[in-house]
N, C-alpha and C. Protein backbone atom coordinates (compact mmCIF):
# COMPACT_ATOMS: atom_id res chain seq x y z
N MET A 1 89.80 76.29 144.06
CA MET A 1 90.22 75.86 142.76
C MET A 1 89.51 74.59 142.32
N ALA A 2 89.31 73.70 143.26
CA ALA A 2 88.68 72.42 142.92
C ALA A 2 87.26 72.64 142.43
N GLU A 3 86.59 73.66 142.98
CA GLU A 3 85.22 73.94 142.55
C GLU A 3 85.18 74.34 141.08
N HIS A 4 86.14 75.17 140.65
CA HIS A 4 86.16 75.65 139.27
C HIS A 4 86.42 74.51 138.29
N GLU A 5 87.30 73.59 138.66
CA GLU A 5 87.61 72.48 137.77
C GLU A 5 86.41 71.58 137.61
N SER A 6 85.67 71.36 138.69
CA SER A 6 84.48 70.49 138.58
C SER A 6 83.39 71.17 137.76
N ASP A 7 83.31 72.53 137.84
CA ASP A 7 82.33 73.24 137.02
C ASP A 7 82.66 73.10 135.54
N ARG A 8 83.91 73.13 135.20
CA ARG A 8 84.33 73.01 133.80
C ARG A 8 83.96 71.63 133.26
N GLU A 9 84.14 70.63 134.07
CA GLU A 9 83.81 69.28 133.60
C GLU A 9 82.33 69.15 133.32
N ASP A 10 81.51 69.83 134.12
CA ASP A 10 80.07 69.75 133.93
C ASP A 10 79.63 70.53 132.69
N ARG A 11 80.34 71.59 132.33
CA ARG A 11 79.92 72.46 131.23
C ARG A 11 80.54 72.09 129.88
N GLU A 12 81.27 71.02 129.78
CA GLU A 12 81.88 70.67 128.51
C GLU A 12 80.79 70.39 127.49
N PRO A 13 81.01 70.78 126.22
CA PRO A 13 79.97 70.59 125.21
C PRO A 13 79.74 69.11 124.92
N ASP A 14 78.50 68.81 124.57
CA ASP A 14 78.17 67.44 124.22
C ASP A 14 78.79 67.09 122.89
N GLU A 15 79.10 65.83 122.69
CA GLU A 15 79.65 65.41 121.41
C GLU A 15 78.57 65.47 120.36
N GLN A 16 78.99 65.59 119.10
CA GLN A 16 78.02 65.68 118.01
C GLN A 16 77.25 64.37 117.92
N LYS A 17 75.97 64.52 117.63
CA LYS A 17 75.13 63.34 117.51
C LYS A 17 75.38 62.62 116.19
N VAL A 18 75.69 63.40 115.10
CA VAL A 18 75.93 62.80 113.80
C VAL A 18 77.43 62.56 113.66
N PRO A 19 77.84 61.35 113.36
CA PRO A 19 79.29 61.11 113.21
C PRO A 19 79.79 61.75 111.92
N PHE A 20 80.98 62.26 111.97
CA PHE A 20 81.60 62.93 110.83
C PHE A 20 82.38 61.90 110.04
N ASP A 21 82.06 61.79 108.77
CA ASP A 21 82.73 60.84 107.90
C ASP A 21 83.86 61.56 107.16
N GLU A 22 85.06 61.44 107.67
CA GLU A 22 86.20 62.14 107.10
C GLU A 22 86.55 61.59 105.72
N ASP A 23 86.42 60.30 105.54
CA ASP A 23 86.74 59.71 104.23
C ASP A 23 85.80 60.22 103.16
N ALA A 24 84.53 60.40 103.49
CA ALA A 24 83.58 60.91 102.50
C ALA A 24 83.90 62.36 102.15
N ALA A 25 84.33 63.14 103.13
CA ALA A 25 84.69 64.54 102.87
C ALA A 25 85.90 64.60 101.95
N TRP A 26 86.90 63.75 102.17
CA TRP A 26 88.08 63.73 101.30
C TRP A 26 87.71 63.26 99.90
N ARG A 27 86.83 62.27 99.79
CA ARG A 27 86.41 61.81 98.46
C ARG A 27 85.70 62.93 97.70
N ALA A 28 84.92 63.77 98.39
CA ALA A 28 84.23 64.88 97.73
C ALA A 28 85.23 65.94 97.28
N ILE A 29 86.25 66.16 98.07
CA ILE A 29 87.28 67.14 97.69
C ILE A 29 88.04 66.65 96.47
N VAL A 30 88.43 65.38 96.46
CA VAL A 30 89.18 64.83 95.34
C VAL A 30 88.32 64.79 94.09
N ALA A 31 87.04 64.49 94.23
CA ALA A 31 86.16 64.43 93.06
C ALA A 31 85.99 65.82 92.43
N GLY A 32 86.03 66.87 93.23
CA GLY A 32 85.86 68.22 92.71
C GLY A 32 87.16 68.90 92.33
N TYR A 33 88.27 68.17 92.37
CA TYR A 33 89.56 68.78 92.05
C TYR A 33 89.61 69.17 90.58
N GLY A 34 90.05 70.38 90.29
CA GLY A 34 90.20 70.85 88.93
C GLY A 34 88.97 71.53 88.39
N GLU A 35 87.85 71.40 89.04
CA GLU A 35 86.64 72.07 88.57
C GLU A 35 86.62 73.50 89.08
N GLU A 36 86.16 74.39 88.24
CA GLU A 36 86.09 75.80 88.63
C GLU A 36 84.77 76.04 89.35
N PRO A 37 84.80 76.70 90.50
CA PRO A 37 83.55 76.94 91.21
C PRO A 37 82.68 77.91 90.41
N PRO A 38 81.37 77.85 90.63
CA PRO A 38 80.49 78.76 89.88
C PRO A 38 80.73 80.21 90.32
N ASP A 39 80.51 81.13 89.37
CA ASP A 39 80.67 82.55 89.67
C ASP A 39 79.59 83.00 90.63
N PRO A 40 79.91 83.91 91.55
CA PRO A 40 78.88 84.42 92.45
C PRO A 40 77.86 85.25 91.67
N PRO A 41 76.67 85.41 92.21
CA PRO A 41 75.66 86.18 91.48
C PRO A 41 76.10 87.63 91.31
N GLY A 42 75.88 88.17 90.11
CA GLY A 42 76.24 89.55 89.82
C GLY A 42 77.65 89.73 89.33
N ALA A 43 78.40 88.63 89.17
CA ALA A 43 79.78 88.74 88.70
C ALA A 43 79.78 88.95 87.19
N ARG A 44 80.74 89.70 86.70
CA ARG A 44 80.88 89.95 85.27
C ARG A 44 81.76 88.88 84.64
N PRO A 45 81.57 88.60 83.36
CA PRO A 45 82.43 87.61 82.71
C PRO A 45 83.85 88.17 82.53
N PHE A 46 84.79 87.26 82.38
CA PHE A 46 86.20 87.63 82.22
C PHE A 46 86.40 88.34 80.89
N ARG A 47 87.21 89.42 80.92
CA ARG A 47 87.55 90.15 79.70
C ARG A 47 89.06 90.13 79.56
N SER A 48 89.53 89.91 78.33
CA SER A 48 90.97 89.85 78.09
C SER A 48 91.57 91.26 78.16
N VAL A 49 92.89 91.32 78.23
CA VAL A 49 93.58 92.60 78.36
C VAL A 49 93.31 93.49 77.16
N GLU A 50 93.22 92.88 75.97
CA GLU A 50 92.98 93.67 74.77
C GLU A 50 91.61 94.35 74.79
N ASP A 51 90.64 93.71 75.46
CA ASP A 51 89.29 94.25 75.48
C ASP A 51 89.04 95.23 76.62
N LEU A 52 90.01 95.42 77.51
CA LEU A 52 89.80 96.30 78.65
C LEU A 52 89.63 97.76 78.24
N ALA A 53 90.25 98.15 77.13
CA ALA A 53 90.16 99.54 76.69
C ALA A 53 88.79 99.83 76.08
N LEU A 54 88.08 98.80 75.65
CA LEU A 54 86.76 98.99 75.05
C LEU A 54 85.72 99.26 76.13
N PRO A 55 84.66 100.02 75.82
CA PRO A 55 83.64 100.26 76.83
C PRO A 55 82.88 98.98 77.12
N GLU A 56 82.39 98.88 78.35
CA GLU A 56 81.65 97.69 78.75
C GLU A 56 80.27 97.71 78.11
N PRO A 57 79.82 96.56 77.64
CA PRO A 57 78.47 96.52 77.10
C PRO A 57 77.44 96.66 78.23
N GLU A 58 76.38 97.38 77.95
CA GLU A 58 75.33 97.56 78.94
C GLU A 58 74.54 96.27 79.07
N PRO A 59 74.29 95.80 80.29
CA PRO A 59 73.50 94.58 80.44
C PRO A 59 72.05 94.87 80.06
N GLU A 60 71.46 93.90 79.32
CA GLU A 60 70.06 94.07 78.92
C GLU A 60 69.17 93.68 80.07
N PRO A 61 68.17 94.51 80.40
CA PRO A 61 67.27 94.15 81.49
C PRO A 61 66.45 92.92 81.10
N GLU A 62 66.27 92.04 82.07
CA GLU A 62 65.52 90.82 81.82
C GLU A 62 64.03 91.10 81.94
N LYS A 63 63.26 90.46 81.07
CA LYS A 63 61.80 90.60 81.09
C LYS A 63 61.23 89.48 81.94
N ASP A 64 60.25 89.81 82.75
CA ASP A 64 59.57 88.81 83.57
C ASP A 64 58.48 88.18 82.71
N ALA A 65 58.33 86.88 82.82
CA ALA A 65 57.34 86.18 82.00
C ALA A 65 55.93 86.57 82.38
N GLU A 66 55.69 86.91 83.64
CA GLU A 66 54.35 87.22 84.09
C GLU A 66 53.95 88.66 83.84
N SER A 67 54.91 89.59 83.85
CA SER A 67 54.57 91.00 83.65
C SER A 67 55.51 91.61 82.64
N ASP A 68 55.13 92.78 82.14
CA ASP A 68 55.95 93.47 81.15
C ASP A 68 56.95 94.44 81.79
N THR A 69 56.99 94.52 83.10
CA THR A 69 57.92 95.44 83.77
C THR A 69 59.32 94.86 83.75
N ASP A 70 60.30 95.75 83.65
CA ASP A 70 61.70 95.32 83.63
C ASP A 70 62.18 95.04 85.04
N LYS A 71 62.96 93.99 85.16
CA LYS A 71 63.59 93.70 86.45
C LYS A 71 64.85 94.56 86.57
N ALA A 72 65.21 94.92 87.76
CA ALA A 72 66.46 95.65 87.98
C ALA A 72 67.62 94.68 87.75
N PRO A 73 68.65 95.09 87.01
CA PRO A 73 69.77 94.17 86.79
C PRO A 73 70.49 93.87 88.10
N ALA A 74 71.09 92.70 88.16
CA ALA A 74 71.81 92.31 89.37
C ALA A 74 72.99 93.25 89.58
N ARG A 75 73.16 93.69 90.79
CA ARG A 75 74.23 94.63 91.12
C ARG A 75 75.56 93.88 91.20
N PRO A 76 76.62 94.38 90.54
CA PRO A 76 77.90 93.68 90.62
C PRO A 76 78.44 93.69 92.05
N LEU A 77 79.22 92.66 92.36
CA LEU A 77 79.75 92.54 93.70
C LEU A 77 80.72 93.65 94.06
N GLY A 78 81.52 94.06 93.14
CA GLY A 78 82.50 95.11 93.41
C GLY A 78 83.02 95.62 92.08
N SER A 79 83.67 96.73 92.12
CA SER A 79 84.19 97.25 90.87
C SER A 79 85.54 97.89 91.11
N SER A 80 86.29 97.92 90.06
CA SER A 80 87.56 98.61 90.09
C SER A 80 87.82 99.13 88.69
N VAL A 81 88.59 100.17 88.60
CA VAL A 81 88.91 100.75 87.31
C VAL A 81 90.16 100.06 86.80
N SER A 82 90.05 99.46 85.62
CA SER A 82 91.19 98.77 85.01
C SER A 82 91.50 99.44 83.69
N PHE A 83 92.77 99.59 83.42
CA PHE A 83 93.19 100.18 82.16
C PHE A 83 94.10 99.19 81.45
N ALA A 84 93.95 99.13 80.16
CA ALA A 84 94.85 98.30 79.37
C ALA A 84 96.22 98.96 79.36
N PRO A 85 97.27 98.19 79.11
CA PRO A 85 98.60 98.78 79.08
C PRO A 85 98.69 99.89 78.04
N GLY A 86 99.20 101.03 78.44
CA GLY A 86 99.36 102.15 77.53
C GLY A 86 98.12 103.00 77.37
N VAL A 87 97.04 102.68 78.07
CA VAL A 87 95.81 103.44 77.96
C VAL A 87 95.43 103.90 79.35
N GLY A 88 95.11 105.15 79.52
CA GLY A 88 94.66 105.61 80.82
C GLY A 88 95.24 106.95 81.18
N PRO A 89 95.12 107.32 82.44
CA PRO A 89 95.54 108.66 82.84
C PRO A 89 97.04 108.87 82.81
N ARG A 90 97.83 107.80 82.82
CA ARG A 90 99.28 107.99 82.88
C ARG A 90 99.92 108.07 81.51
N ASP A 91 99.16 107.90 80.43
CA ASP A 91 99.76 107.98 79.11
C ASP A 91 99.69 109.39 78.54
N HIS A 92 99.23 110.35 79.33
CA HIS A 92 99.12 111.73 78.87
C HIS A 92 100.49 112.40 78.94
N SER A 93 100.85 113.08 77.87
CA SER A 93 102.09 113.86 77.90
C SER A 93 101.75 115.27 77.44
N PRO A 94 102.16 116.27 78.22
CA PRO A 94 101.82 117.65 77.86
C PRO A 94 102.57 118.06 76.60
N PRO A 95 101.98 118.97 75.82
CA PRO A 95 102.66 119.41 74.60
C PRO A 95 103.89 120.25 74.96
N GLU A 96 104.86 120.23 74.06
CA GLU A 96 106.07 121.03 74.27
C GLU A 96 105.72 122.51 74.17
N PRO A 97 106.21 123.33 75.10
CA PRO A 97 105.91 124.76 75.03
C PRO A 97 106.65 125.41 73.86
N SER A 98 106.01 126.36 73.28
CA SER A 98 106.65 127.11 72.20
C SER A 98 106.76 128.57 72.64
N GLU A 99 107.45 129.37 71.86
CA GLU A 99 107.64 130.78 72.21
C GLU A 99 106.33 131.55 72.16
N ASP A 100 105.34 131.06 71.41
CA ASP A 100 104.04 131.75 71.33
C ASP A 100 103.22 131.56 72.59
N ASP A 101 103.56 130.55 73.43
CA ASP A 101 102.80 130.29 74.64
C ASP A 101 103.05 131.32 75.73
N PHE A 102 104.12 132.10 75.63
CA PHE A 102 104.48 133.04 76.68
C PHE A 102 103.93 134.42 76.35
N ASP A 103 103.51 135.14 77.39
CA ASP A 103 103.07 136.53 77.19
C ASP A 103 104.19 137.47 77.66
N GLU A 104 103.87 138.76 77.78
CA GLU A 104 104.92 139.73 78.11
C GLU A 104 105.54 139.51 79.49
N ASP A 105 104.77 138.97 80.42
CA ASP A 105 105.29 138.80 81.78
C ASP A 105 106.25 137.61 81.91
N ASP A 106 106.12 136.64 81.03
CA ASP A 106 106.98 135.46 81.11
C ASP A 106 108.36 135.78 80.54
N GLU A 107 109.35 135.16 81.12
CA GLU A 107 110.72 135.41 80.69
C GLU A 107 111.23 134.35 79.73
N GLY A 108 110.48 133.31 79.48
CA GLY A 108 110.93 132.26 78.58
C GLY A 108 111.49 131.08 79.36
N HIS A 109 112.18 130.23 78.67
CA HIS A 109 112.75 129.03 79.31
C HIS A 109 113.98 129.39 80.12
N PHE A 110 114.12 128.73 81.27
CA PHE A 110 115.29 128.94 82.11
C PHE A 110 116.35 127.93 81.72
N VAL A 111 117.51 128.40 81.38
CA VAL A 111 118.65 127.54 81.09
C VAL A 111 119.68 127.81 82.17
N PRO A 112 119.97 126.79 83.01
CA PRO A 112 120.93 127.04 84.09
C PRO A 112 122.33 127.24 83.53
N PRO A 113 123.15 128.01 84.23
CA PRO A 113 124.52 128.22 83.74
C PRO A 113 125.34 126.94 83.92
N GLU A 114 126.44 126.86 83.21
CA GLU A 114 127.34 125.72 83.33
C GLU A 114 127.90 125.67 84.74
N PRO A 115 127.90 124.50 85.37
CA PRO A 115 128.47 124.43 86.72
C PRO A 115 129.98 124.57 86.66
N PRO A 116 130.57 125.07 87.74
CA PRO A 116 132.03 125.22 87.74
C PRO A 116 132.68 123.83 87.73
N PRO A 117 133.89 123.72 87.22
CA PRO A 117 134.54 122.41 87.18
C PRO A 117 134.86 121.92 88.59
N LEU A 118 134.90 120.63 88.73
CA LEU A 118 135.23 120.04 90.02
C LEU A 118 136.69 120.32 90.35
N PRO A 119 137.00 120.51 91.64
CA PRO A 119 138.40 120.74 91.98
C PRO A 119 139.22 119.47 91.73
N THR A 120 140.44 119.66 91.34
CA THR A 120 141.31 118.51 91.09
C THR A 120 141.81 117.96 92.41
N ALA A 121 141.85 116.64 92.50
CA ALA A 121 142.33 116.00 93.72
C ALA A 121 143.85 115.89 93.65
N ASP A 122 144.48 116.01 94.80
CA ASP A 122 145.93 115.87 94.83
C ASP A 122 146.30 114.38 94.79
N THR A 123 147.54 114.10 94.55
CA THR A 123 148.02 112.73 94.37
C THR A 123 147.83 111.89 95.63
N THR A 124 148.03 112.50 96.80
CA THR A 124 147.89 111.76 98.05
C THR A 124 146.46 111.27 98.23
N ALA A 125 145.48 112.13 97.94
CA ALA A 125 144.08 111.73 98.08
C ALA A 125 143.72 110.64 97.07
N LYS A 126 144.27 110.72 95.87
CA LYS A 126 143.99 109.69 94.87
C LYS A 126 144.50 108.33 95.33
N PHE A 127 145.74 108.28 95.85
CA PHE A 127 146.28 107.01 96.33
C PHE A 127 145.55 106.51 97.58
N ALA A 128 145.07 107.43 98.42
CA ALA A 128 144.31 107.01 99.60
C ALA A 128 143.00 106.35 99.18
N TRP A 129 142.31 106.94 98.21
CA TRP A 129 141.07 106.34 97.73
C TRP A 129 141.34 105.02 97.00
N LEU A 130 142.45 104.95 96.30
CA LEU A 130 142.82 103.69 95.65
C LEU A 130 143.03 102.59 96.69
N GLY A 131 143.65 102.91 97.81
CA GLY A 131 143.84 101.92 98.87
C GLY A 131 142.54 101.53 99.54
N VAL A 132 141.64 102.51 99.78
CA VAL A 132 140.38 102.22 100.47
C VAL A 132 139.50 101.34 99.60
N VAL A 133 139.44 101.61 98.31
CA VAL A 133 138.58 100.83 97.43
C VAL A 133 139.32 99.61 96.88
N GLY A 134 140.57 99.78 96.53
CA GLY A 134 141.31 98.71 95.87
C GLY A 134 141.70 97.56 96.78
N GLY A 135 141.95 97.82 98.05
CA GLY A 135 142.34 96.75 98.98
C GLY A 135 141.27 95.69 99.12
N PRO A 136 140.03 96.05 99.48
CA PRO A 136 138.99 95.03 99.58
C PRO A 136 138.66 94.38 98.23
N VAL A 137 138.73 95.14 97.13
CA VAL A 137 138.47 94.55 95.81
C VAL A 137 139.54 93.51 95.49
N LEU A 138 140.78 93.79 95.81
CA LEU A 138 141.87 92.83 95.57
C LEU A 138 141.65 91.55 96.37
N LEU A 139 141.27 91.67 97.64
CA LEU A 139 141.02 90.49 98.46
C LEU A 139 139.80 89.71 97.95
N LEU A 140 138.78 90.40 97.50
CA LEU A 140 137.59 89.75 96.96
C LEU A 140 137.93 88.98 95.68
N LEU A 141 138.72 89.60 94.82
CA LEU A 141 139.15 88.91 93.60
C LEU A 141 139.98 87.67 93.94
N ALA A 142 140.83 87.77 94.93
CA ALA A 142 141.66 86.64 95.32
C ALA A 142 140.80 85.48 95.81
N VAL A 143 139.76 85.77 96.55
CA VAL A 143 138.88 84.71 97.05
C VAL A 143 138.06 84.12 95.90
N LEU A 144 137.50 84.96 95.05
CA LEU A 144 136.65 84.48 93.96
C LEU A 144 137.44 83.69 92.91
N LEU A 145 138.66 84.10 92.63
CA LEU A 145 139.45 83.43 91.62
C LEU A 145 140.32 82.30 92.18
N GLY A 146 140.28 82.11 93.49
CA GLY A 146 140.99 81.00 94.11
C GLY A 146 142.48 81.17 94.19
N TRP A 147 142.97 82.39 94.26
CA TRP A 147 144.40 82.63 94.37
C TRP A 147 144.88 82.21 95.76
N ASP A 148 146.15 81.86 95.86
CA ASP A 148 146.74 81.57 97.16
C ASP A 148 146.88 82.87 97.93
N MET A 149 146.49 82.86 99.19
CA MET A 149 146.60 84.06 100.02
C MET A 149 148.02 84.15 100.57
N THR A 150 148.86 84.74 99.79
CA THR A 150 150.24 84.91 100.22
C THR A 150 150.32 86.11 101.17
N TRP A 151 151.47 86.23 101.83
CA TRP A 151 151.62 87.32 102.80
C TRP A 151 151.58 88.67 102.12
N TRP A 152 152.14 88.78 100.92
CA TRP A 152 152.17 90.09 100.25
C TRP A 152 150.78 90.49 99.74
N LEU A 153 149.95 89.51 99.32
CA LEU A 153 148.59 89.81 98.87
C LEU A 153 147.72 90.27 100.03
N THR A 154 147.85 89.60 101.16
CA THR A 154 147.09 89.98 102.35
C THR A 154 147.54 91.34 102.87
N THR A 155 148.84 91.57 102.90
CA THR A 155 149.36 92.85 103.38
C THR A 155 148.93 93.98 102.46
N LEU A 156 148.96 93.76 101.17
CA LEU A 156 148.56 94.78 100.22
C LEU A 156 147.07 95.11 100.34
N GLY A 157 146.23 94.09 100.51
CA GLY A 157 144.79 94.33 100.62
C GLY A 157 144.40 95.01 101.92
N ILE A 158 144.81 94.42 103.04
CA ILE A 158 144.43 94.97 104.34
C ILE A 158 145.20 96.25 104.63
N GLY A 159 146.49 96.26 104.35
CA GLY A 159 147.30 97.46 104.59
C GLY A 159 146.87 98.62 103.71
N GLY A 160 146.53 98.34 102.46
CA GLY A 160 146.06 99.40 101.57
C GLY A 160 144.77 100.03 102.09
N PHE A 161 143.83 99.18 102.56
CA PHE A 161 142.59 99.72 103.09
C PHE A 161 142.84 100.56 104.35
N LEU A 162 143.56 100.01 105.31
CA LEU A 162 143.80 100.73 106.57
C LEU A 162 144.61 102.00 106.34
N GLY A 163 145.64 101.93 105.50
CA GLY A 163 146.46 103.10 105.24
C GLY A 163 145.69 104.19 104.52
N GLY A 164 144.91 103.81 103.52
CA GLY A 164 144.10 104.80 102.81
C GLY A 164 143.05 105.42 103.69
N PHE A 165 142.43 104.61 104.54
CA PHE A 165 141.40 105.14 105.45
C PHE A 165 142.02 106.11 106.45
N ALA A 166 143.16 105.75 107.01
CA ALA A 166 143.83 106.63 107.98
C ALA A 166 144.26 107.93 107.31
N THR A 167 144.74 107.85 106.07
CA THR A 167 145.15 109.06 105.35
C THR A 167 143.97 109.98 105.12
N LEU A 168 142.85 109.42 104.68
CA LEU A 168 141.67 110.26 104.43
C LEU A 168 141.13 110.88 105.71
N VAL A 169 141.17 110.16 106.81
CA VAL A 169 140.67 110.71 108.08
C VAL A 169 141.59 111.82 108.57
N MET A 170 142.90 111.63 108.45
CA MET A 170 143.85 112.64 108.93
C MET A 170 143.79 113.92 108.10
N ARG A 171 143.41 113.80 106.82
CA ARG A 171 143.37 114.97 105.95
C ARG A 171 142.03 115.68 105.95
N MET A 172 141.08 115.21 106.74
CA MET A 172 139.77 115.87 106.78
C MET A 172 139.92 117.27 107.32
N ARG A 173 139.15 118.17 106.74
CA ARG A 173 139.18 119.57 107.21
C ARG A 173 138.32 119.70 108.45
N THR A 174 138.78 120.50 109.35
CA THR A 174 137.96 120.84 110.52
C THR A 174 137.75 122.35 110.51
N ASP A 175 136.66 122.79 111.06
CA ASP A 175 136.36 124.22 111.09
C ASP A 175 136.85 124.87 112.38
N ASP A 176 137.85 124.27 113.01
CA ASP A 176 138.37 124.83 114.26
C ASP A 176 139.25 126.04 114.02
N GLU A 177 139.72 126.26 112.80
CA GLU A 177 140.61 127.39 112.55
C GLU A 177 139.88 128.72 112.74
N GLU A 178 138.59 128.75 112.45
CA GLU A 178 137.84 129.99 112.58
C GLU A 178 137.55 130.34 114.03
N ASP A 179 137.46 129.32 114.88
CA ASP A 179 137.09 129.54 116.29
C ASP A 179 138.32 129.53 117.19
N ASP A 180 139.37 130.28 116.81
CA ASP A 180 140.57 130.32 117.62
C ASP A 180 140.31 130.94 118.99
N ASP A 181 139.61 132.06 119.02
CA ASP A 181 139.36 132.77 120.29
C ASP A 181 137.86 133.09 120.37
N PRO A 182 137.04 132.14 120.84
CA PRO A 182 135.59 132.38 120.85
C PRO A 182 135.15 133.39 121.90
N GLY A 183 136.03 133.83 122.81
CA GLY A 183 135.64 134.74 123.90
C GLY A 183 135.72 136.21 123.53
N ARG A 184 136.06 136.55 122.30
CA ARG A 184 136.21 137.97 121.95
C ARG A 184 134.89 138.68 121.76
N GLY A 185 133.82 137.96 121.54
CA GLY A 185 132.53 138.64 121.31
C GLY A 185 132.36 138.97 119.85
N ALA A 186 131.47 139.92 119.57
CA ALA A 186 131.16 140.29 118.20
C ALA A 186 132.32 141.08 117.60
N VAL A 187 132.67 140.74 116.37
CA VAL A 187 133.73 141.45 115.66
C VAL A 187 133.07 142.40 114.69
N VAL A 188 133.43 143.71 114.78
CA VAL A 188 132.82 144.71 113.92
C VAL A 188 133.73 145.08 112.78
């Protein structure tokens, strides 16, 4: 181990010959504060949102002073497709179909039938749901409005939730009635 440590000491990098002036670096940073850096070569000028829908102007090729041949325009750094709000591929809406659009094979528009009415809940289930939802809401209102937590308010909130939950769990249907005697085999 001692050999490795001595090798490390011998291989440490030499210190820089030029001293680093940290104060001068900070002064340069502060002097350049607020200035916008120059655009990289090949960058396009900024276009406002209103002008994004307009086509881009073609860059004019630059003429060389020594020859009449055109220089190749500078290649942009990167590109992306930008659309102004409300303009682009997502503003397309298909036309409404009419009866003339269908031929003999088409059946026309499908109109689903009216769904059957929901079954009516019995009174016990309604009060159970009222306790499950109303108990915590009552306690939340009491805390938010700064009511005194009396014994009857606490009992009504917690008891309503627990009683309603127990009632709903006890009334759940199970499919065990169909499987009374699973050993009979196939019923014909």
